[in-house]
Every structure is written in structure tokens, then in C-alpha cells.
Amino acid sequence: MATPLSADRLLAALRAEGVDVVEYGSWRTHNRNHKGAWGPVNGVMIHHTVSSGTESSVALCYNGHSALPGPLCHGVIDKAGTVHLVGNGRANHAGGGDPDVLDRVIAEDYGDRPPAPHEHEGSAGAVDGNARFYGFECVNLGDGEDPWPAAQLDAIERVSAAICRAHGWSARSVVGHLEWSDWKVDPRGFTMPSLRDRVAARLGSPASGAGKGDASPSRPSGGPAAPRHQPFPGAGFFTTRTSSPVITAMGRRLVAEGCSEYAVGPGPRWTDADRRSYAAWQRRLGFRGADADGIPGRTSWNALKVPYTK
């Protein structure tokens, strides 16, 4: 058992593991703690969203819906491998589950996988998983046909390893929703034993902060190299450098995301149109006030995924 990580410690753990993170809205104080306990925590639970599209999936998991208020997890992992943090504290993601599974997770003693669950949400003996597990929703239709890109699987692995490393847990503290409750099927499309094998291998080495923004992107086991994205050049780049192909590439990504304030261009020179377009992108991510001033920061830059340019 462990005390839950604070927002700052969770963010630091994810970044140390090389996770591309977006802080969405007021995630640091967004929780359901008034409805029940948050902690002690015992593991990480992986889900799929049964939805498509990053923006709508993140908004759904942040807000919830009339029958189930948000947050519906702690983070949403999109198909490009970015993790959007939407909650910190108790979240409506796990529901009731099998107490035997919880005992095995706490003991980290269940061989290749936890036992098949026998207790579901409505059972009298079910355990409140919302108090015990970090939850991550992965954008996928859950129909067994929607693909799981290598970058997304890599992010799931890194997120799981980051939290396990922060708490001193093994990979056996990572479970799927289908291993917790007998009426759930998620995640569907990859196996939890294979994920735990990858997490265990990662935990066998020091944390690697080499995320997808680095010049040498990570390669998930058996998968293609993740796409190369331009590393964050630093905020000063946009005030001291007047012309660069990086600025053109950034502008094109802003246009593609529907955050264009350009009358002409974009071009290689940093202009007020670039600043206003970037401010629109920051607001899209949930930044407000001085945090949406149009000067790129590392979090918003990594979320934009500007193509690598030499």
C-alpha cells in the first residue's frame, strides 16, 4: 500500500520516464474525493475509451456525463502517445472489483496474470477500485479492430513504469479493467501479460527521459520507430531567433489543428500571427491567462508534435 502521489510528483515521474504530457484544465484539483477515499493506492489500471478522436475523448474523461461525473480517469493516452492529465485524486474509472484480485496485486504474487475476477460492480463483496488504483483511459474503440499504434503502446508502457517506479512496485501492480471486474473487457486489442512483460523490462533499467521529442526516438519492442518530432527549442528561441524552418513547421501544425490566425503564411519568421495562433493552441489545451500568452512552453510544444526539421 502507498500514499498517492501529489500532482507535482506524478508529473515529475511521468516526465522522468519520457512521457509526453499535457496538463488539461484544472486537473490538479479535479477529483471525486468528496465521494470517498483516495488511497492507499495499490496499482495502475488500464482501460480503453470506446471512443475516437483525442479532443472529444479527453473532454469526456475530464467532464464525465450525466450518469457518471468526471474525472473518469487520471490520464487519457491518445493514439500519438501523448498523455493528457485530467484528474488528480479519486476518479470514476474502476468501480467495484474482486477482493481476491486486489490481494494478489498487493502481494504482487500471481504468476503471469491475476486470477479471473469473480466479483463485479454490484456484488456485496466488491472492493472500491476507485480508491485503490490510478486509472488511464486509452483512446480506442475497443472493438478488437481499431489499431493500437506503437507510439500509444509505448506511452502505456512508460506511464505504467513511471508510477510503479515512483512507488517501488513491480510490473505486477499493473492490471487491466477486465482483470478487475468480470463484466469488463478492456483493454481489448493487446494482452495485459505482454504489457507487464514490457513494463518489467523497462523497470530493469534506470528511467529514461528520452521521449518522442528527442532526436533519437524510442522503439517499442517489435514495433516501428516512433515518429520524430522537433525537440522544444526553449522559450528564448522565439524571441532571439527571427527566422527558422522550425517556425514554419510549427505554423503548419497550428493550421492543421485549426488554430490559425495567419492572413499569409506561415513562414520562417516569428510574427505576431504566430504568437496569436499559438495562444489559440494553448487555450485549446486548457491554458488560461498568462499561461496562454502565445510563447511556446515545453508542455504545449510537445503536444503540438512539430515535425522534425534539420
Protein backbone atom coordinates (compact mmCIF):
# COMPACT_ATOMS: atom_id res chain seq x y z
CA MET A 1 0.00 0.00 0.00
CA ALA A 2 1.18 3.53 -0.71
CA THR A 3 0.20 7.15 -0.27
CA PRO A 4 -0.97 8.61 -3.61
CA LEU A 5 1.50 10.79 -5.49
CA SER A 6 0.90 14.52 -5.36
CA ALA A 7 0.23 16.27 -8.66
CA ASP A 8 3.81 17.54 -8.79
CA ARG A 9 5.29 14.11 -8.04
CA LEU A 10 3.07 12.38 -10.59
CA LEU A 11 4.03 14.88 -13.27
CA ALA A 12 7.72 14.56 -12.41
CA ALA A 13 7.56 10.75 -12.50
CA LEU A 14 5.91 10.74 -15.92
CA ARG A 15 8.36 13.21 -17.39
CA ALA A 16 11.34 11.35 -15.95
CA GLU A 17 10.12 8.25 -17.80
CA GLY A 18 9.99 10.18 -21.07
CA VAL A 19 6.20 10.57 -21.24
CA ASP A 20 4.81 13.40 -23.40
CA VAL A 21 2.36 15.11 -21.04
CA VAL A 22 -0.40 17.68 -21.49
CA GLU A 23 -1.91 19.22 -18.37
CA TYR A 24 -5.61 19.59 -19.19
CA GLY A 25 -7.79 22.15 -17.47
CA SER A 26 -7.61 22.23 -13.68
CA TRP A 27 -6.59 18.56 -13.46
CA ARG A 28 -4.55 19.14 -10.29
CA THR A 29 -7.67 19.78 -8.20
CA HIS A 30 -10.18 17.84 -10.31
CA ASN A 31 -11.35 14.72 -8.42
CA ARG A 32 -14.18 12.92 -6.64
CA ASN A 33 -12.57 12.97 -3.18
CA HIS A 34 -15.80 14.28 -1.64
CA LYS A 35 -17.45 10.96 -2.54
CA GLY A 36 -14.97 8.59 -0.90
CA ALA A 37 -11.42 7.66 -0.14
CA TRP A 38 -8.43 8.20 -2.41
CA GLY A 39 -5.76 5.80 -1.25
CA PRO A 40 -3.96 3.91 -0.07
CA VAL A 41 -3.12 3.07 -3.68
CA ASN A 42 -2.05 -0.37 -4.87
CA GLY A 43 -1.67 -0.28 -8.63
CA VAL A 44 -2.32 1.08 -12.11
CA MET A 45 -5.42 0.13 -14.11
CA ILE A 46 -5.57 0.32 -17.92
CA HIS A 47 -8.79 0.95 -19.87
CA HIS A 48 -9.95 1.75 -23.39
CA THR A 49 -12.32 4.66 -24.04
CA VAL A 50 -14.72 3.13 -26.62
CA SER A 51 -14.36 6.42 -28.47
CA SER A 52 -12.32 8.04 -31.23
CA GLY A 53 -10.65 11.41 -31.50
CA THR A 54 -8.31 12.96 -28.97
CA GLU A 55 -10.12 16.19 -28.20
CA SER A 56 -13.56 14.68 -27.62
CA SER A 57 -12.16 11.73 -25.66
CA VAL A 58 -10.15 13.96 -23.34
CA ALA A 59 -13.13 16.26 -22.77
CA LEU A 60 -15.36 13.27 -21.98
CA CYS A 61 -12.90 11.83 -19.48
CA TYR A 62 -12.47 15.22 -17.83
CA ASN A 63 -16.17 16.12 -17.61
CA GLY A 64 -17.85 12.72 -17.48
CA HIS A 65 -21.56 12.58 -18.27
CA SER A 66 -24.91 12.76 -16.51
CA ALA A 67 -24.75 9.19 -15.20
CA LEU A 68 -21.07 9.28 -14.23
CA PRO A 69 -19.40 12.59 -13.34
CA GLY A 70 -15.76 13.19 -14.20
CA PRO A 71 -12.95 12.75 -13.92
CA LEU A 72 -13.29 9.27 -15.42
CA CYS A 73 -9.56 8.55 -15.04
CA HIS A 74 -6.29 10.28 -14.20
CA GLY A 75 -4.93 10.44 -17.73
CA VAL A 76 -6.00 9.85 -21.32
CA ILE A 77 -3.43 8.27 -23.64
CA ASP A 78 -4.07 9.24 -27.25
CA LYS A 79 -3.02 7.33 -30.35
CA ALA A 80 0.03 9.55 -30.86
CA GLY A 81 1.32 8.63 -27.41
CA THR A 82 0.54 11.88 -25.60
CA VAL A 83 -0.84 11.58 -22.07
CA HIS A 84 -3.48 14.17 -21.17
CA LEU A 85 -3.77 14.50 -17.39
CA VAL A 86 -7.42 15.09 -16.44
CA GLY A 87 -7.63 14.27 -12.74
CA ASN A 88 -5.69 14.04 -9.51
CA GLY A 89 -7.34 12.10 -6.73
CA ARG A 90 -10.34 9.81 -6.72
CA ALA A 91 -11.70 9.20 -10.23
CA ASN A 92 -14.69 7.24 -11.56
CA HIS A 93 -12.78 4.63 -13.54
CA ALA A 94 -12.51 1.28 -11.76
CA GLY A 95 -15.77 0.68 -9.91
CA GLY A 96 -16.22 -2.42 -7.81
CA GLY A 97 -13.94 -5.40 -8.26
CA ASP A 98 -12.77 -8.73 -6.95
CA PRO A 99 -11.14 -8.56 -3.49
CA ASP A 100 -9.03 -11.62 -4.37
CA VAL A 101 -7.53 -9.73 -7.33
CA LEU A 102 -6.68 -6.81 -5.04
CA ASP A 103 -4.98 -9.17 -2.56
CA ARG A 104 -2.90 -10.66 -5.38
CA VAL A 105 -1.94 -7.24 -6.69
CA ILE A 106 -0.91 -6.07 -3.22
CA ALA A 107 1.19 -9.21 -2.78
CA GLU A 108 2.48 -8.95 -6.38
CA ASP A 109 2.18 -12.72 -6.41
CA TYR A 110 0.04 -14.15 -9.17
CA GLY A 111 2.30 -15.68 -11.79
CA ASP A 112 1.66 -14.49 -15.32
CA ARG A 113 -1.67 -12.83 -14.59
CA PRO A 114 -4.18 -12.19 -11.80
CA PRO A 115 -6.92 -14.78 -11.32
CA ALA A 116 -10.07 -14.35 -13.37
CA PRO A 117 -12.31 -11.98 -11.40
CA HIS A 118 -15.49 -13.30 -9.82
CA GLU A 119 -16.82 -10.18 -8.12
CA HIS A 120 -18.34 -7.41 -10.23
CA GLU A 121 -19.58 -3.92 -9.51
CA GLY A 122 -22.86 -4.92 -7.93
CA SER A 123 -21.51 -7.70 -5.72
CA ALA A 124 -21.84 -7.29 -1.98
CA GLY A 125 -18.18 -8.20 -1.55
CA ALA A 126 -16.83 -5.94 -4.28
CA VAL A 127 -13.91 -3.65 -3.45
CA ASP A 128 -13.89 0.06 -4.32
CA GLY A 129 -11.28 0.23 -7.06
CA ASN A 130 -11.63 4.00 -7.41
CA ALA A 131 -9.86 4.36 -4.07
CA ARG A 132 -7.06 1.91 -4.89
CA PHE A 133 -5.91 2.38 -8.50
CA TYR A 134 -4.54 5.05 -10.77
CA GLY A 135 -6.59 4.85 -13.98
CA PHE A 136 -5.56 5.56 -17.57
CA GLU A 137 -8.01 5.56 -20.46
CA CYS A 138 -6.53 4.79 -23.88
CA VAL A 139 -8.25 6.16 -26.98
CA ASN A 140 -9.55 3.08 -28.80
CA LEU A 141 -12.95 1.85 -29.99
CA GLY A 142 -12.46 -1.42 -28.14
CA ASP A 143 -13.87 -3.48 -30.99
CA GLY A 144 -10.76 -5.61 -31.48
CA GLU A 145 -10.15 -3.99 -34.89
CA ASP A 146 -9.20 -0.42 -34.01
CA PRO A 147 -5.36 -0.41 -34.14
CA TRP A 148 -3.02 0.29 -31.26
CA PRO A 149 -0.19 2.40 -32.73
CA ALA A 150 3.34 1.72 -31.49
CA ALA A 151 3.58 5.21 -30.01
CA GLN A 152 0.43 4.63 -27.95
CA LEU A 153 1.59 1.25 -26.64
CA ASP A 154 4.94 2.80 -25.77
CA ALA A 155 3.18 5.53 -23.78
CA ILE A 156 1.06 2.98 -21.89
CA GLU A 157 4.25 1.12 -21.00
CA ARG A 158 6.02 4.30 -19.89
CA VAL A 159 3.09 5.56 -17.80
CA SER A 160 2.77 2.23 -16.03
CA ALA A 161 6.51 2.01 -15.38
CA ALA A 162 6.68 5.60 -14.15
CA ILE A 163 4.08 5.04 -11.44
CA CYS A 164 5.47 1.65 -10.46
CA ARG A 165 8.96 3.12 -10.21
CA ALA A 166 7.73 6.04 -8.09
CA HIS A 167 6.09 3.66 -5.60
CA GLY A 168 8.68 0.88 -5.72
CA TRP A 169 6.17 -1.56 -7.25
CA SER A 170 6.84 -4.32 -9.75
CA ALA A 171 5.06 -4.72 -13.10
CA ARG A 172 2.55 -6.97 -11.35
CA SER A 173 0.93 -3.84 -9.94
CA VAL A 174 -0.39 -3.08 -13.46
CA VAL A 175 -3.78 -4.62 -14.32
CA GLY A 176 -6.46 -4.28 -16.94
CA HIS A 177 -10.07 -3.44 -16.15
CA LEU A 178 -11.05 -6.90 -17.43
CA GLU A 179 -8.81 -8.42 -14.73
CA TRP A 180 -10.56 -6.41 -12.04
CA SER A 181 -14.24 -6.89 -12.85
CA ASP A 182 -15.89 -9.86 -14.54
CA TRP A 183 -18.19 -7.72 -16.70
CA LYS A 184 -15.45 -5.63 -18.31
CA VAL A 185 -13.46 -6.41 -21.48
CA ASP A 186 -10.96 -3.57 -21.59
CA PRO A 187 -8.36 -3.13 -22.78
CA ARG A 188 -9.13 -5.10 -25.92
CA GLY A 189 -6.55 -5.47 -28.67
CA PHE A 190 -3.43 -6.36 -26.69
CA THR A 191 -2.83 -8.60 -23.68
CA MET A 192 -2.01 -7.45 -20.19
CA PRO A 193 0.68 -10.15 -19.68
CA SER A 194 2.53 -8.77 -22.72
CA LEU A 195 2.25 -5.23 -21.33
CA ARG A 196 3.54 -6.34 -17.93
CA ASP A 197 6.50 -8.02 -19.63
CA ARG A 198 7.37 -4.73 -21.29
CA VAL A 199 6.93 -2.78 -18.06
CA ALA A 200 9.14 -5.26 -16.21
CA ALA A 201 11.85 -4.89 -18.85
CA ARG A 202 11.69 -1.11 -18.58
CA LEU A 203 11.89 -1.22 -14.80
CA GLY A 204 15.08 -3.26 -15.14
CA SER A 205 16.90 -0.11 -16.32
CA PRO A 206 17.06 3.45 -14.98
CA ALA A 207 14.26 5.81 -16.02
CA SER A 208 14.81 7.18 -19.50
CA GLY A 209 13.65 10.72 -20.17
CA ALA A 210 14.13 10.25 -23.92
CA GLY A 211 10.62 10.93 -25.15
CA LYS A 212 9.36 11.26 -28.69
CA GLY A 213 10.61 14.83 -28.88
CA ASP A 214 14.23 13.69 -28.70
CA ALA A 215 16.45 13.25 -31.73
CA SER A 216 16.61 9.50 -31.09
CA PRO A 217 13.02 8.34 -30.59
CA SER A 218 12.23 5.21 -28.64
CA ARG A 219 11.38 1.99 -30.42
CA PRO A 220 8.77 -0.23 -28.73
CA SER A 221 9.75 -3.89 -28.69
CA GLY A 222 8.85 -5.42 -32.04
CA GLY A 223 7.37 -2.17 -33.38
CA PRO A 224 8.45 0.57 -35.76
CA ALA A 225 10.30 3.64 -34.54
CA ALA A 226 8.04 6.38 -33.21
CA PRO A 227 7.73 9.44 -35.46
CA ARG A 228 10.35 12.13 -34.96
CA HIS A 229 9.18 15.43 -33.56
CA GLN A 230 11.08 18.66 -33.13
CA PRO A 231 12.52 18.96 -29.59
CA PHE A 232 11.38 22.01 -27.64
CA PRO A 233 13.89 24.74 -28.55
CA GLY A 234 13.27 26.81 -25.43
CA ALA A 235 11.08 29.87 -24.98
CA GLY A 236 14.01 32.15 -25.78
CA PHE A 237 14.16 30.73 -29.30
CA PHE A 238 11.00 32.63 -30.14
CA THR A 239 12.38 35.97 -29.01
CA THR A 240 16.03 35.74 -30.08
CA ARG A 241 15.72 33.80 -33.36
CA THR A 242 14.00 35.80 -36.08
CA SER A 243 13.91 33.15 -38.82
CA SER A 244 13.95 29.34 -38.82
CA PRO A 245 12.30 26.41 -40.66
CA VAL A 246 11.19 25.24 -37.22
CA ILE A 247 8.83 28.23 -37.05
CA THR A 248 7.37 27.33 -40.44
CA ALA A 249 6.82 23.72 -39.34
CA MET A 250 5.19 24.94 -36.12
CA GLY A 251 2.87 27.23 -38.06
CA ARG A 252 1.79 24.46 -40.38
CA ARG A 253 0.91 22.28 -37.41
CA LEU A 254 -1.13 25.13 -35.91
CA VAL A 255 -3.02 25.49 -39.18
CA ALA A 256 -3.66 21.73 -39.26
CA GLU A 257 -5.06 21.93 -35.70
CA GLY A 258 -7.43 24.75 -36.67
CA CYS A 259 -5.55 27.36 -34.63
CA SER A 260 -4.65 29.70 -37.48
CA GLU A 261 -4.52 33.47 -37.14
CA TYR A 262 -2.48 33.80 -40.32
CA ALA A 263 -3.53 36.11 -43.15
CA VAL A 264 -0.48 34.96 -45.13
CA GLY A 265 1.87 32.08 -44.43
CA PRO A 266 3.01 30.67 -42.10
CA GLY A 267 6.65 31.45 -42.80
CA PRO A 268 10.05 31.13 -41.13
CA ARG A 269 9.95 34.49 -39.32
CA TRP A 270 8.36 34.69 -35.88
CA THR A 271 5.47 37.14 -36.13
CA ASP A 272 2.52 38.33 -34.11
CA ALA A 273 0.34 35.98 -36.20
CA ASP A 274 2.47 33.08 -34.94
CA ARG A 275 2.02 34.27 -31.37
CA ARG A 276 -1.76 34.65 -31.70
CA SER A 277 -2.06 31.26 -33.40
CA TYR A 278 -0.02 29.61 -30.67
CA ALA A 279 -2.10 31.32 -27.98
CA ALA A 280 -5.18 29.73 -29.58
CA TRP A 281 -3.44 26.33 -29.32
CA GLN A 282 -2.61 26.93 -25.65
CA ARG A 283 -6.25 27.79 -24.95
CA ARG A 284 -7.28 24.61 -26.77
CA LEU A 285 -5.18 22.66 -24.26
CA GLY A 286 -6.88 24.37 -21.32
CA PHE A 287 -4.31 27.07 -20.52
CA ARG A 288 -5.68 30.44 -19.48
CA GLY A 289 -4.42 33.91 -18.62
CA ALA A 290 -0.66 34.36 -18.60
CA ASP A 291 -0.23 30.67 -19.43
CA ALA A 292 -1.82 31.32 -22.84
CA ASP A 293 0.44 34.19 -23.89
CA GLY A 294 1.39 32.69 -27.24
CA ILE A 295 5.01 31.94 -26.29
CA PRO A 296 5.58 28.17 -26.59
CA GLY A 297 6.32 26.20 -23.44
CA ARG A 298 7.53 22.63 -23.24
CA THR A 299 4.15 21.03 -22.42
CA SER A 300 2.18 22.73 -25.20
CA TRP A 301 5.05 22.27 -27.67
CA ASN A 302 5.29 18.52 -27.05
CA ALA A 303 1.52 18.25 -27.50
CA LEU A 304 1.69 20.04 -30.87
CA LYS A 305 4.16 17.45 -32.26
CA VAL A 306 6.01 19.69 -34.69
CA PRO A 307 7.71 17.54 -37.36
CA TYR A 308 11.47 17.24 -37.04
CA THR A 309 13.44 19.59 -39.28
CA LYS A 310 17.22 19.71 -39.73
